[in-house]
Amino acid sequence: MIASRQGPLVLMYHGVGRRSGQEDPFNLFVSPDRLHGQLTALLRRGWTPVTLEAYLHRTVPRRSVLLTFDDGYRAMVEEGLPILRELNVPATVFVLSGLLGGRSRWMAQMPDEALVDAEDVATLVRAGLDVECHGWDHSCLAAADPTTLVRNVVDAARALRDLTGRRPRAFAYPYGEHDATARRAVAEAGFEIAFSTHRGGGRYAVPRVDVNSTDTDTTFRIKTLRSYPAMRRVTGRVPALRPALHSLIGRAARN
């Protein structure tokens, strides 16, 4: 029997903003109006957005959702934060300690997307968002050498602590990739929890549901179903099935 999702729903976003398919070939950026619509729909359907603190201590109602945003794009401050404030929705933003104020150069197809700088991090913290660790430079930590692990876990955590004044509690693996060595490094560095994407691995690799620019109202609602992780695993076993379902349900139009 295939198990469904247990615990609160954890959604994984990346950027917020209007980008064309050429500017954003990986569909990472959700437009502000679509983000607003998705969060409004969650609230209307009785979901309770929770803080990282509440999530960690499980002091949450059954239909709870933790919003996470990876990579720390500057557009999050400019276009995402106003929506969160308007709707009074908490969120957790995972930033790259070694690339603050830099660009998304780890992606050859879109290397020039601006990332948050130190002042942006302060803005997010003042707004009540949790700013947590996504590593140093977006290196993949699965099968990583010891130097890469130290740089992206220990050094990244220390730099973020020095910037925010508090020890980061949560880690999100770049690309969602992890292995036993990476999970152990994150645990030994003092993190309370770590997030992956779809492939889980206990407290230090909690799976999340990705939301991207191609999601329609229908696919977004499907992704919030408790049975969605099981549905995704089943469709993934047949290579042609998932694309066929996407074609049947539809994809959101890009700019």
Protein backbone atom coordinates (compact mmCIF):
# COMPACT_ATOMS: atom_id res chain seq x y z
CA MET A 1 0.00 0.00 0.00
CA ILE A 2 1.30 3.47 -0.95
CA ALA A 3 1.22 5.93 1.93
CA SER A 4 -0.16 9.42 1.49
CA ARG A 5 1.38 12.59 2.89
CA GLN A 6 1.63 12.77 6.66
CA GLY A 7 1.82 15.95 8.69
CA PRO A 8 1.32 19.53 7.49
CA LEU A 9 1.53 20.34 3.80
CA VAL A 10 4.85 21.94 2.83
CA LEU A 11 4.83 23.90 -0.42
CA MET A 12 8.05 24.77 -2.24
CA TYR A 13 8.12 27.92 -4.33
CA HIS A 14 11.14 29.64 -5.83
CA GLY A 15 10.77 33.08 -7.39
CA VAL A 16 7.84 35.47 -7.54
CA GLY A 17 7.54 37.59 -10.66
CA ARG A 18 6.53 37.68 -14.30
CA ARG A 19 9.08 35.93 -16.48
CA SER A 20 8.83 34.64 -20.03
CA GLY A 21 9.65 31.04 -20.86
CA GLN A 22 12.96 32.22 -22.30
CA GLU A 23 13.83 34.14 -19.13
CA ASP A 24 12.73 31.28 -16.88
CA PRO A 25 13.14 27.96 -18.71
CA PHE A 26 12.78 25.98 -15.46
CA ASN A 27 9.37 27.52 -14.60
CA LEU A 28 10.68 28.75 -11.24
CA PHE A 29 8.83 32.07 -11.13
CA VAL A 30 5.17 32.24 -10.17
CA SER A 31 3.51 35.52 -11.12
CA PRO A 32 2.33 37.78 -8.27
CA ASP A 33 -1.32 37.50 -9.27
CA ARG A 34 -1.11 33.71 -9.42
CA LEU A 35 0.59 33.55 -6.01
CA HIS A 36 -2.12 35.82 -4.62
CA GLY A 37 -4.80 33.58 -6.11
CA GLN A 38 -3.22 30.40 -4.78
CA LEU A 39 -2.86 31.73 -1.25
CA THR A 40 -6.35 33.19 -1.29
CA ALA A 41 -7.73 29.83 -2.41
CA LEU A 42 -5.91 28.07 0.44
CA LEU A 43 -7.33 30.49 2.99
CA ARG A 44 -10.85 30.18 1.61
CA ARG A 45 -10.63 26.39 1.76
CA GLY A 46 -9.72 26.47 5.44
CA TRP A 47 -5.96 26.01 5.30
CA THR A 48 -3.90 27.65 8.05
CA PRO A 49 -0.47 28.97 6.98
CA VAL A 50 2.02 28.41 9.80
CA THR A 51 5.41 29.70 10.87
CA LEU A 52 8.50 27.53 10.98
CA GLU A 53 8.35 27.67 14.79
CA ALA A 54 4.81 26.29 14.83
CA TYR A 55 5.71 23.65 12.25
CA LEU A 56 8.73 22.46 14.26
CA HIS A 57 6.68 22.10 17.42
CA ARG A 58 3.62 20.69 15.64
CA THR A 59 1.37 23.23 17.36
CA VAL A 60 -0.75 23.43 14.24
CA PRO A 61 -4.27 22.48 13.14
CA ARG A 62 -4.75 19.52 10.81
CA ARG A 63 -5.11 21.55 7.59
CA SER A 64 -1.86 23.45 7.98
CA VAL A 65 0.57 24.59 5.32
CA LEU A 66 4.16 25.77 5.55
CA LEU A 67 5.16 28.03 2.65
CA THR A 68 8.82 27.87 1.62
CA PHE A 69 10.71 29.83 -1.03
CA ASP A 70 14.10 28.59 -2.23
CA ASP A 71 17.16 30.40 -3.64
CA GLY A 72 16.47 33.86 -2.20
CA TYR A 73 15.62 35.77 -5.36
CA ARG A 74 15.44 39.53 -4.88
CA ALA A 75 12.05 39.55 -6.58
CA MET A 76 10.75 37.85 -3.44
CA VAL A 77 11.25 41.12 -1.56
CA GLU A 78 9.89 43.28 -4.36
CA GLU A 79 6.89 41.22 -5.50
CA GLY A 80 6.34 38.35 -3.07
CA LEU A 81 6.58 40.09 0.28
CA PRO A 82 3.77 42.61 -0.41
CA ILE A 83 1.38 39.71 -1.10
CA LEU A 84 2.35 37.88 2.08
CA ARG A 85 1.84 41.06 4.06
CA GLU A 86 -1.53 41.79 2.47
CA LEU A 87 -2.83 38.30 3.24
CA ASN A 88 -1.01 38.04 6.59
CA VAL A 89 0.62 34.78 5.53
CA PRO A 90 3.93 33.66 7.14
CA ALA A 91 6.65 32.04 5.07
CA THR A 92 10.17 30.64 5.23
CA VAL A 93 12.78 31.88 2.74
CA PHE A 94 15.91 29.81 2.11
CA VAL A 95 18.91 31.91 1.05
CA LEU A 96 22.44 31.22 -0.16
CA SER A 97 24.86 32.67 2.38
CA GLY A 98 27.76 32.92 -0.05
CA LEU A 99 25.82 34.56 -2.88
CA LEU A 100 24.04 37.41 -1.08
CA GLY A 101 23.76 40.32 -3.47
CA GLY A 102 24.88 38.09 -6.31
CA ARG A 103 23.28 36.39 -9.30
CA SER A 104 21.92 32.95 -10.13
CA ARG A 105 25.11 31.91 -11.90
CA TRP A 106 24.71 28.22 -10.98
CA MET A 107 22.15 28.02 -13.82
CA ALA A 108 23.74 28.54 -17.23
CA GLN A 109 20.29 28.97 -18.79
CA MET A 110 19.35 31.87 -16.46
CA PRO A 111 22.52 33.19 -14.78
CA ASP A 112 21.51 36.80 -14.17
CA GLU A 113 18.55 36.64 -11.79
CA ALA A 114 19.30 38.94 -8.84
CA LEU A 115 19.53 37.45 -5.34
CA VAL A 116 18.79 39.10 -2.01
CA ASP A 117 21.54 41.07 -0.31
CA ALA A 118 22.13 41.64 3.40
CA GLU A 119 19.66 44.53 3.59
CA ASP A 120 17.00 42.44 1.84
CA VAL A 121 17.51 39.70 4.42
CA ALA A 122 17.02 42.28 7.17
CA THR A 123 13.82 43.43 5.43
CA LEU A 124 12.46 39.89 5.35
CA VAL A 125 13.32 39.33 9.01
CA ARG A 126 11.68 42.61 10.05
CA ALA A 127 8.57 41.55 8.12
CA GLY A 128 8.35 38.43 10.30
CA LEU A 129 9.53 35.88 7.75
CA ASP A 130 11.92 33.10 8.69
CA VAL A 131 15.18 33.38 6.74
CA GLU A 132 16.91 30.00 6.71
CA CYS A 133 19.82 28.24 5.02
CA HIS A 134 20.02 26.93 1.44
CA GLY A 135 23.76 26.37 1.48
CA TRP A 136 26.67 28.58 0.41
CA ASP A 137 26.63 28.58 -3.40
CA HIS A 138 23.89 26.14 -4.50
CA SER A 139 26.29 23.18 -4.77
CA CYS A 140 24.64 19.76 -4.89
CA LEU A 141 25.28 18.00 -1.58
CA ALA A 142 24.59 14.44 -2.72
CA ALA A 143 27.97 12.70 -3.04
CA ALA A 144 29.68 15.98 -2.12
CA ASP A 145 33.28 16.00 -0.88
CA PRO A 146 33.98 17.02 2.74
CA THR A 147 35.15 20.52 1.79
CA THR A 148 31.94 21.22 -0.13
CA LEU A 149 29.83 19.94 2.76
CA VAL A 150 31.61 22.11 5.32
CA ARG A 151 31.34 25.18 3.10
CA ASN A 152 27.66 24.70 2.33
CA VAL A 153 26.48 23.54 5.74
CA VAL A 154 28.77 24.74 8.54
CA ASP A 155 30.15 27.92 6.95
CA ALA A 156 26.79 28.84 5.42
CA ALA A 157 25.04 28.47 8.78
CA ARG A 158 27.67 30.56 10.55
CA ALA A 159 27.47 33.36 7.98
CA LEU A 160 23.68 33.48 8.18
CA ARG A 161 23.82 33.50 11.99
CA ASP A 162 26.25 36.43 11.91
CA LEU A 163 23.91 38.30 9.57
CA THR A 164 20.58 37.70 11.32
CA GLY A 165 21.79 37.38 14.91
CA ARG A 166 20.32 33.93 15.40
CA ARG A 167 21.28 30.37 14.54
CA PRO A 168 19.40 29.04 11.47
CA ARG A 169 17.12 26.14 12.31
CA ALA A 170 16.15 24.79 8.90
CA PHE A 171 18.11 23.74 5.82
CA ALA A 172 16.89 23.18 2.26
CA TYR A 173 19.04 21.03 -0.02
CA PRO A 174 19.97 22.66 -3.34
CA TYR A 175 18.24 20.77 -6.16
CA GLY A 176 16.51 18.79 -3.41
CA GLU A 177 19.38 16.28 -3.57
CA HIS A 178 20.73 14.57 -0.47
CA ASP A 179 22.33 11.38 0.77
CA ALA A 180 23.10 9.89 4.17
CA THR A 181 26.37 11.84 4.48
CA ALA A 182 24.69 15.16 3.66
CA ARG A 183 21.85 14.48 6.09
CA ARG A 184 24.33 13.64 8.83
CA ALA A 185 26.32 16.82 8.15
CA VAL A 186 23.17 18.94 8.43
CA ALA A 187 22.16 17.24 11.69
CA GLU A 188 25.65 17.58 13.20
CA ALA A 189 25.72 21.29 12.26
CA GLY A 190 22.82 21.83 14.65
CA PHE A 191 19.91 22.27 12.25
CA GLU A 192 16.58 21.11 13.65
CA ILE A 193 15.14 20.05 10.29
CA ALA A 194 16.00 19.87 6.60
CA PHE A 195 13.82 19.87 3.49
CA SER A 196 14.21 18.06 0.20
CA THR A 197 11.79 18.05 -2.73
CA HIS A 198 9.90 14.86 -3.50
CA ARG A 199 12.38 12.30 -2.14
CA GLY A 200 12.14 12.21 1.61
CA GLY A 201 14.47 10.75 4.21
CA GLY A 202 13.22 11.40 7.72
CA ARG A 203 13.50 14.62 9.74
CA TYR A 204 16.57 15.70 7.77
CA ALA A 205 14.97 15.30 4.36
CA VAL A 206 11.31 16.28 4.67
CA PRO A 207 9.64 16.19 1.24
CA ARG A 208 7.86 19.21 -0.18
CA VAL A 209 5.36 19.79 -2.97
CA ASP A 210 6.71 22.04 -5.71
CA VAL A 211 4.64 24.87 -7.17
CA ASN A 212 5.73 26.35 -10.48
CA SER A 213 4.67 28.75 -13.20
CA THR A 214 2.80 26.10 -15.20
CA ASP A 215 0.37 25.21 -12.40
CA THR A 216 -3.27 25.96 -13.09
CA ASP A 217 -5.92 26.35 -10.41
CA THR A 218 -6.73 22.67 -10.94
CA THR A 219 -3.17 21.35 -10.68
CA PHE A 220 -2.51 23.53 -7.66
CA ARG A 221 -5.56 22.11 -5.91
CA ILE A 222 -4.47 18.57 -6.80
CA LYS A 223 -1.05 19.27 -5.28
CA THR A 224 -2.66 20.15 -1.94
CA LEU A 225 -4.43 16.79 -1.70
CA ARG A 226 -3.15 14.47 1.01
CA SER A 227 -2.91 11.73 -1.59
CA TYR A 228 -0.82 13.80 -4.05
CA PRO A 229 2.61 12.33 -3.11
CA ALA A 230 1.28 8.83 -3.74
CA MET A 231 -0.32 9.94 -7.02
CA ARG A 232 2.97 11.45 -8.13
CA ARG A 233 4.91 8.26 -7.37
CA VAL A 234 2.44 6.14 -9.29
CA THR A 235 2.48 8.38 -12.38
CA GLY A 236 6.27 8.54 -12.23
CA ARG A 237 6.51 4.79 -12.78
CA VAL A 238 5.06 5.14 -16.28
CA PRO A 239 7.20 7.63 -18.25
CA ALA A 240 4.43 8.74 -20.63
CA LEU A 241 1.67 8.97 -18.03
CA ARG A 242 2.57 12.19 -16.21
CA PRO A 243 3.02 14.29 -19.41
CA ALA A 244 -0.25 12.88 -20.73
CA LEU A 245 -2.08 13.89 -17.55
CA HIS A 246 -0.56 17.37 -17.71
CA SER A 247 -1.77 17.72 -21.27
CA LEU A 248 -5.23 16.59 -20.23
CA ILE A 249 -5.49 18.88 -17.22
CA GLY A 250 -3.73 21.80 -18.88
CA ARG A 251 -0.85 24.13 -18.10
CA ALA A 252 -0.91 27.76 -17.12
CA ALA A 253 0.03 30.13 -19.93
CA ARG A 254 3.44 31.80 -19.74
CA ASN A 255 4.01 35.47 -20.53
